[in-house]
Amino acid sequence: MTIEARRGHAVPMTDSHLAQVNIGRIVAPLDSPELADFVALQPEINALADQSPGFVWRMVDADGMDATGIRPAGNDALLLFNCSVWESVEALQRFTYHSDHLRVLSRRREWFRRMTEAHQALWWIPAGHRPTVDEAMERIAMLRENGPGPQAFTFRAPYPAPSEAARL
């Protein structure tokens, strides 16, 4: 499957951007009545992300609308994947918890099974880099194996962006 990128509005050039990945196991297939509201809300929430301050990019599948066709674990049709890039932790937090995204997030138990392992990871990338599915899944694995650290962290335990001096 070809993975295409969707770019948001122009963003200021900085040395680092924040990548995020989240996965979830849906309670039924995407075309089921149980997921109808979730599927119907996808275009609205993706448009909201695309227009949010600090948004840089999000991964989309071959249809170019969302990432629901990406299968990070082979043919597991019930495991959904989402990966995006933001200017900062604060920008992603504003979108996640202080926009209409929260209305959809509050309904997640209707559509997703509770996961006991880490299902979201954040990490810093060089500006302009676009994470791959494998890279994103590796960050979730790092978080599961090692807990939060500079290579994979969470909103609850964020790490600062690497400074230019540290990179030199």
Protein backbone atom coordinates (compact mmCIF):
# COMPACT_ATOMS: atom_id res chain seq x y z
CA MET A 1 0.00 0.00 0.00
CA THR A 2 1.29 3.41 -0.91
CA ILE A 3 1.25 5.88 1.95
CA GLU A 4 0.80 9.50 0.99
CA ALA A 5 1.26 12.57 3.15
CA ARG A 6 -1.16 15.38 3.73
CA ARG A 7 0.40 18.74 4.59
CA GLY A 8 -1.37 21.40 6.56
CA HIS A 9 -0.93 25.13 6.37
CA ALA A 10 2.52 26.70 6.21
CA VAL A 11 4.42 26.42 9.47
CA PRO A 12 7.46 28.31 10.70
CA MET A 13 10.76 26.53 10.23
CA THR A 14 12.14 25.06 13.44
CA ASP A 15 14.81 22.46 14.05
CA SER A 16 12.50 19.85 15.56
CA HIS A 17 8.89 18.79 15.28
CA LEU A 18 6.86 16.43 17.42
CA ALA A 19 5.72 13.14 15.92
CA GLN A 20 2.87 11.21 17.46
CA VAL A 21 1.42 7.79 16.86
CA ASN A 22 -1.60 6.15 18.40
CA ILE A 23 -3.13 2.78 17.76
CA GLY A 24 -6.40 1.30 18.89
CA ARG A 25 -8.37 -1.89 18.54
CA ILE A 26 -11.88 -1.15 17.31
CA VAL A 27 -14.85 -3.09 18.71
CA ALA A 28 -16.17 -4.09 15.28
CA PRO A 29 -15.25 -3.68 11.61
CA LEU A 30 -15.21 -0.15 10.20
CA ASP A 31 -18.27 -0.85 8.04
CA SER A 32 -20.35 -2.06 11.00
CA PRO A 33 -23.22 -0.11 12.60
CA GLU A 34 -21.18 0.09 15.84
CA LEU A 35 -18.54 2.21 14.06
CA ALA A 36 -20.88 4.31 11.89
CA ASP A 37 -20.58 7.45 14.05
CA PHE A 38 -16.80 7.12 14.28
CA VAL A 39 -16.45 6.75 10.51
CA ALA A 40 -18.84 9.65 9.90
CA LEU A 41 -16.81 11.93 12.21
CA GLN A 42 -13.42 11.13 10.61
CA PRO A 43 -13.55 13.80 7.85
CA GLU A 44 -14.57 16.52 10.31
CA ILE A 45 -11.85 15.68 12.83
CA ASN A 46 -9.17 15.29 10.16
CA ALA A 47 -10.12 18.69 8.72
CA LEU A 48 -9.97 20.17 12.22
CA ALA A 49 -6.46 18.76 12.69
CA ASP A 50 -5.34 19.96 9.28
CA GLN A 51 -6.42 23.51 10.16
CA SER A 52 -5.18 23.54 13.76
CA PRO A 53 -2.36 25.89 14.77
CA GLY A 54 0.87 23.90 14.97
CA PHE A 55 -0.27 21.08 12.69
CA VAL A 56 2.41 20.01 10.20
CA TRP A 57 1.44 16.67 8.59
CA ARG A 58 -0.57 13.49 8.99
CA MET A 59 -0.16 10.10 7.40
CA VAL A 60 -2.93 8.97 5.08
CA ASP A 61 -3.49 5.73 3.23
CA ALA A 62 -3.85 5.28 -0.52
CA ASP A 63 -7.30 6.91 -0.63
CA GLY A 64 -5.72 10.09 0.72
CA MET A 65 -8.46 10.83 3.26
CA ASP A 66 -7.33 9.18 6.49
CA ALA A 67 -5.20 6.33 7.81
CA THR A 68 -7.92 3.73 8.34
CA GLY A 69 -6.52 1.56 5.53
CA ILE A 70 -3.04 1.32 7.04
CA ARG A 71 -2.38 -2.03 8.71
CA PRO A 72 0.69 -1.81 10.96
CA ALA A 73 0.24 -5.38 12.14
CA GLY A 74 -0.31 -7.20 8.86
CA ASN A 75 -3.92 -7.93 8.03
CA ASP A 76 -5.39 -7.05 11.44
CA ALA A 77 -8.45 -5.10 10.27
CA LEU A 78 -9.41 -4.18 13.84
CA LEU A 79 -6.16 -2.36 14.66
CA LEU A 80 -6.33 1.28 13.60
CA PHE A 81 -3.26 3.47 13.23
CA ASN A 82 -2.83 7.25 13.30
CA CYS A 83 0.42 9.19 12.91
CA SER A 84 0.92 12.94 12.65
CA VAL A 85 3.52 15.67 13.10
CA TRP A 86 3.10 18.88 15.09
CA GLU A 87 5.24 21.90 15.87
CA SER A 88 5.18 21.21 19.62
CA VAL A 89 3.70 19.19 22.46
CA GLU A 90 1.55 22.22 23.31
CA ALA A 91 0.10 22.40 19.79
CA LEU A 92 -0.84 18.71 19.88
CA GLN A 93 -2.32 19.09 23.38
CA ARG A 94 -4.44 22.06 22.27
CA PHE A 95 -5.85 20.02 19.39
CA THR A 96 -6.34 16.86 21.45
CA TYR A 97 -7.87 18.33 24.61
CA HIS A 98 -9.02 21.88 23.79
CA SER A 99 -10.85 21.55 20.47
CA ASP A 100 -13.83 19.62 19.12
CA HIS A 101 -11.50 16.61 19.00
CA LEU A 102 -12.23 16.19 22.73
CA ARG A 103 -15.92 15.58 21.92
CA VAL A 104 -14.89 12.61 19.77
CA LEU A 105 -12.16 11.47 22.16
CA SER A 106 -14.71 11.29 24.99
CA ARG A 107 -16.62 8.64 23.00
CA ARG A 108 -13.59 6.39 22.42
CA ARG A 109 -14.92 3.59 24.67
CA GLU A 110 -17.89 3.19 22.30
CA TRP A 111 -15.57 2.40 19.41
CA PHE A 112 -12.28 1.09 20.87
CA ARG A 113 -11.40 -1.70 23.25
CA ARG A 114 -9.44 -0.67 26.32
CA MET A 115 -5.74 -1.27 25.76
CA THR A 116 -3.59 -2.23 28.73
CA GLU A 117 -0.28 -1.53 26.96
CA ALA A 118 1.01 1.79 25.69
CA HIS A 119 -0.98 2.75 22.62
CA GLN A 120 0.41 6.24 22.00
CA ALA A 121 3.96 7.53 21.69
CA LEU A 122 5.46 10.96 21.10
CA TRP A 123 9.00 11.69 19.89
CA TRP A 124 11.03 14.51 18.41
CA ILE A 125 12.04 14.42 14.75
CA PRO A 126 14.06 16.78 12.58
CA ALA A 127 11.81 19.32 10.87
CA GLY A 128 10.87 18.00 7.44
CA HIS A 129 11.12 14.31 8.39
CA ARG A 130 7.99 12.18 7.90
CA PRO A 131 7.77 9.06 10.08
CA THR A 132 7.08 5.69 8.52
CA VAL A 133 4.65 3.11 9.86
CA ASP A 134 7.57 0.95 11.03
CA GLU A 135 9.26 3.89 12.77
CA ALA A 136 6.04 4.80 14.55
CA MET A 137 5.40 1.23 15.70
CA GLU A 138 9.00 1.02 16.96
CA ARG A 139 8.31 4.05 19.19
CA ILE A 140 5.30 2.35 20.74
CA ALA A 141 7.46 -0.76 21.32
CA MET A 142 10.18 1.41 22.94
CA LEU A 143 7.64 2.96 25.27
CA ARG A 144 6.22 -0.45 26.18
CA GLU A 145 9.66 -1.91 26.84
CA ASN A 146 11.44 1.01 28.52
CA GLY A 147 8.80 3.46 29.68
CA PRO A 148 9.00 7.16 28.83
CA GLY A 149 12.36 8.53 27.70
CA PRO A 150 13.72 10.96 25.11
CA GLN A 151 13.16 8.43 22.30
CA ALA A 152 9.47 7.76 23.11
CA PHE A 153 7.34 9.58 25.67
CA THR A 154 3.77 10.56 26.57
CA PHE A 155 1.80 13.68 27.38
CA ARG A 156 2.17 12.79 31.08
CA ALA A 157 5.96 12.48 30.83
CA PRO A 158 7.07 14.80 28.01
CA TYR A 159 10.66 15.44 27.03
CA PRO A 160 11.91 18.74 25.64
CA ALA A 161 12.84 19.11 22.01
CA PRO A 162 16.52 18.55 21.40
CA SER A 163 18.45 21.78 21.14
CA GLU A 164 20.62 22.63 18.20
CA ALA A 165 23.66 22.58 20.51
CA ALA A 166 22.86 19.06 21.68
CA ARG A 167 22.65 17.89 18.05
CA LEU A 168 26.05 19.33 17.20
